[in-house]
Amino acid sequence: MLAAGLVIAGLSTFSVTKQILKGSTIIDNTSLEPNLSFAAVTKDLPAGQQLLLSLSSNPSDVPLQALITEPDGNTLAIYNITKTPFTSTTTTKISGDHTLEIKNIGSSSVAINGALLISPVAQQGGGVSLQDNPSAQTFVTYGIGILVGIALVIAGIVVLIIGGIKYARGTKNAPQPGNAPK
């Protein structure tokens, strides 16, 4: 049970992580001098897709500006960040390629880390719809797989503990070879 739970939970977690990171922009320890920018394009996003921007920087008090633009060049979101860590969400209005630009508007250099994650569950009219959304259905399926895997891991640990206790009691109460009755 323990091994099966670990395998199921591991595979489900891997699949969910892969689904979330697919198409996302990862920023890994990128150094920015004053007035310089980091830019990345996220391809073929549908309208109504939820985006999560998360940033951290070192030093954390260097001011940054994050700008997300739509395919037509209009600004979808602009954030003036004075301190990190910073997290915010926005939803795309039109489909196509969206651009993320992070600019160092401070007077000293900064190293940034973070991501622009694409949520596998898009909002539908103020709520979440699983109908006709295979990405969301897959996400929920693997989420259930993670829960089942965790339940099997816990059950496996309990069975191991019970088996260990029974084994310890059995060896303690077993007759010794030199003390057999005559």
Protein backbone atom coordinates (compact mmCIF):
# COMPACT_ATOMS: atom_id res chain seq x y z
CA MET A 1 0.00 0.00 0.00
CA LEU A 2 2.78 2.40 0.92
CA ALA A 3 4.63 1.87 -2.36
CA ALA A 4 1.43 2.12 -4.42
CA GLY A 5 0.48 5.34 -2.63
CA LEU A 6 3.91 6.85 -3.25
CA VAL A 7 3.76 5.95 -6.95
CA ILE A 8 0.21 7.29 -7.45
CA ALA A 9 0.87 10.51 -5.52
CA GLY A 10 4.22 11.02 -7.27
CA LEU A 11 2.86 10.53 -10.78
CA SER A 12 -0.18 12.71 -10.10
CA THR A 13 1.95 15.49 -8.61
CA PHE A 14 4.32 15.31 -11.58
CA SER A 15 1.41 15.56 -14.03
CA VAL A 16 -0.18 18.53 -12.24
CA THR A 17 3.16 20.34 -12.06
CA LYS A 18 3.82 19.67 -15.74
CA GLN A 19 0.35 20.97 -16.64
CA ILE A 20 0.82 24.17 -14.61
CA LEU A 21 4.32 24.88 -15.94
CA LYS A 22 3.41 24.19 -19.59
CA GLY A 23 3.63 27.52 -21.38
CA SER A 24 4.51 29.41 -18.18
CA THR A 25 7.41 31.83 -17.95
CA ILE A 26 10.03 31.03 -15.31
CA ILE A 27 12.49 33.73 -14.20
CA ASP A 28 15.55 32.17 -12.59
CA ASN A 29 18.00 34.50 -10.86
CA THR A 30 18.08 37.14 -13.60
CA SER A 31 20.20 40.20 -12.88
CA LEU A 32 18.81 43.60 -13.88
CA GLU A 33 20.80 46.81 -13.89
CA PRO A 34 18.97 50.14 -13.36
CA ASN A 35 16.60 51.01 -16.25
CA LEU A 36 17.02 47.59 -17.90
CA SER A 37 14.23 45.07 -18.48
CA PHE A 38 13.55 41.37 -18.69
CA ALA A 39 10.95 40.40 -21.30
CA ALA A 40 9.27 37.12 -22.21
CA VAL A 41 6.41 36.17 -24.53
CA THR A 42 3.77 33.63 -23.56
CA LYS A 43 2.38 32.05 -26.73
CA ASP A 44 -1.22 31.38 -27.76
CA LEU A 45 -3.12 32.19 -24.58
CA PRO A 46 -6.90 32.01 -24.87
CA ALA A 47 -9.17 34.85 -23.78
CA GLY A 48 -10.31 34.46 -20.17
CA GLN A 49 -7.12 32.64 -19.09
CA GLN A 50 -6.03 33.37 -15.52
CA LEU A 51 -2.38 34.36 -15.04
CA LEU A 52 -0.46 34.39 -11.74
CA LEU A 53 2.59 36.64 -11.46
CA SER A 54 4.94 35.92 -8.57
CA LEU A 55 8.25 37.76 -8.06
CA SER A 56 11.02 37.92 -5.50
CA SER A 57 14.18 39.96 -5.68
CA ASN A 58 17.50 40.44 -3.96
CA PRO A 59 17.66 43.07 -2.53
CA SER A 60 13.94 43.05 -1.90
CA ASP A 61 13.46 46.84 -1.73
CA VAL A 62 14.62 47.78 -5.26
CA PRO A 63 11.56 49.15 -7.10
CA LEU A 64 10.39 47.16 -10.13
CA GLN A 65 7.68 47.63 -12.70
CA ALA A 66 5.91 44.60 -14.18
CA LEU A 67 3.93 45.09 -17.37
CA ILE A 68 1.77 42.50 -19.13
CA THR A 69 0.68 43.48 -22.63
CA GLU A 70 -1.88 41.88 -24.90
CA PRO A 71 -1.27 40.80 -28.50
CA ASP A 72 -2.64 44.10 -29.82
CA GLY A 73 -0.15 46.09 -27.70
CA ASN A 74 -2.66 47.27 -25.09
CA THR A 75 -1.71 47.01 -21.43
CA LEU A 76 -3.42 44.14 -19.63
CA ALA A 77 -1.82 44.83 -16.23
CA ILE A 78 0.83 47.12 -14.81
CA TYR A 79 2.31 46.72 -11.33
CA ASN A 80 4.62 49.15 -9.54
CA ILE A 81 6.40 46.89 -7.07
CA THR A 82 8.18 48.57 -4.16
CA LYS A 83 8.96 45.46 -2.11
CA THR A 84 9.11 41.73 -2.83
CA PRO A 85 7.89 39.02 -2.55
CA PHE A 86 5.02 40.12 -4.79
CA THR A 87 2.09 38.09 -6.13
CA SER A 88 -0.87 39.12 -8.24
CA THR A 89 -3.34 37.63 -10.71
CA THR A 90 -4.97 38.88 -13.87
CA THR A 91 -7.15 37.41 -16.61
CA THR A 92 -6.51 37.72 -20.33
CA LYS A 93 -9.09 39.64 -22.36
CA ILE A 94 -8.14 38.55 -25.87
CA SER A 95 -6.42 35.46 -27.22
CA GLY A 96 -2.90 35.42 -28.62
CA ASP A 97 0.69 36.05 -27.53
CA HIS A 98 1.07 38.06 -24.30
CA THR A 99 4.29 39.79 -23.22
CA LEU A 100 5.65 40.10 -19.69
CA GLU A 101 8.21 42.85 -19.09
CA ILE A 102 9.88 43.45 -15.75
CA LYS A 103 11.88 46.67 -15.49
CA ASN A 104 14.29 47.77 -12.77
CA ILE A 105 13.18 51.35 -12.04
CA GLY A 106 15.53 51.68 -9.05
CA SER A 107 19.06 53.05 -8.84
CA SER A 108 20.88 49.79 -7.99
CA SER A 109 21.12 46.38 -9.62
CA VAL A 110 18.77 43.60 -8.55
CA ALA A 111 18.46 39.83 -9.06
CA ILE A 112 14.91 38.66 -9.75
CA ASN A 113 13.27 35.25 -9.46
CA GLY A 114 9.69 34.31 -10.15
CA ALA A 115 7.18 33.10 -12.68
CA LEU A 116 4.18 34.00 -14.76
CA LEU A 117 2.07 30.86 -14.30
CA ILE A 118 -0.87 29.92 -16.49
CA SER A 119 -3.71 28.55 -14.41
CA PRO A 120 -5.10 25.29 -15.81
CA VAL A 121 -8.53 26.29 -14.48
CA ALA A 122 -9.91 29.34 -16.26
CA GLN A 123 -12.70 31.45 -14.81
CA GLN A 124 -16.07 31.38 -16.52
CA GLY A 125 -18.44 34.27 -15.75
CA GLY A 126 -17.40 34.72 -12.12
CA GLY A 127 -16.92 31.01 -11.39
CA VAL A 128 -15.06 27.96 -12.54
CA SER A 129 -16.54 25.66 -15.19
CA LEU A 130 -15.32 22.09 -15.65
CA GLN A 131 -17.74 21.35 -18.45
CA ASP A 132 -16.11 21.49 -21.91
CA ASN A 133 -12.71 22.26 -20.35
CA PRO A 134 -10.42 19.23 -20.73
CA SER A 135 -7.54 21.02 -19.01
CA ALA A 136 -9.60 21.60 -15.87
CA GLN A 137 -10.98 18.05 -15.96
CA THR A 138 -7.45 16.63 -16.16
CA PHE A 139 -6.34 18.91 -13.33
CA VAL A 140 -9.19 17.68 -11.10
CA THR A 141 -8.50 14.03 -12.02
CA TYR A 142 -4.84 14.30 -11.04
CA GLY A 143 -5.82 16.21 -7.89
CA ILE A 144 -7.98 13.25 -6.89
CA GLY A 145 -5.04 10.97 -7.71
CA ILE A 146 -2.84 12.95 -5.33
CA LEU A 147 -5.44 12.59 -2.54
CA VAL A 148 -5.83 8.84 -3.17
CA GLY A 149 -2.03 8.45 -3.16
CA ILE A 150 -1.75 10.30 0.15
CA ALA A 151 -4.52 8.13 1.66
CA LEU A 152 -2.69 4.97 0.53
CA VAL A 153 0.60 6.24 1.98
CA ILE A 154 -1.07 6.90 5.34
CA ALA A 155 -2.79 3.48 5.29
CA GLY A 156 0.53 1.83 4.39
CA ILE A 157 2.28 3.52 7.32
CA VAL A 158 -0.48 2.43 9.71
CA VAL A 159 -0.24 -1.18 8.45
CA LEU A 160 3.56 -1.11 8.90
CA ILE A 161 3.20 0.17 12.47
CA ILE A 162 0.59 -2.47 13.35
CA GLY A 163 2.71 -5.20 11.74
CA GLY A 164 5.80 -4.02 13.65
CA ILE A 165 3.90 -4.08 16.97
CA LYS A 166 2.52 -7.59 16.29
CA TYR A 167 5.97 -8.84 15.28
CA ALA A 168 7.55 -7.36 18.44
CA ARG A 169 4.87 -8.95 20.66
CA GLY A 170 5.21 -12.29 18.88
CA THR A 171 8.98 -12.52 19.40
CA LYS A 172 8.68 -11.44 23.04
CA ASN A 173 6.10 -14.15 23.87
CA ALA A 174 7.73 -16.96 21.87
CA PRO A 175 9.14 -19.87 23.96
CA GLN A 176 12.92 -19.97 24.25
CA PRO A 177 14.63 -23.17 22.96
CA GLY A 178 16.29 -24.06 26.31
CA ASN A 179 13.10 -23.58 28.36
CA ALA A 180 10.93 -26.20 26.64
CA PRO A 181 8.78 -28.35 29.04
CA LYS A 182 9.84 -32.04 29.52
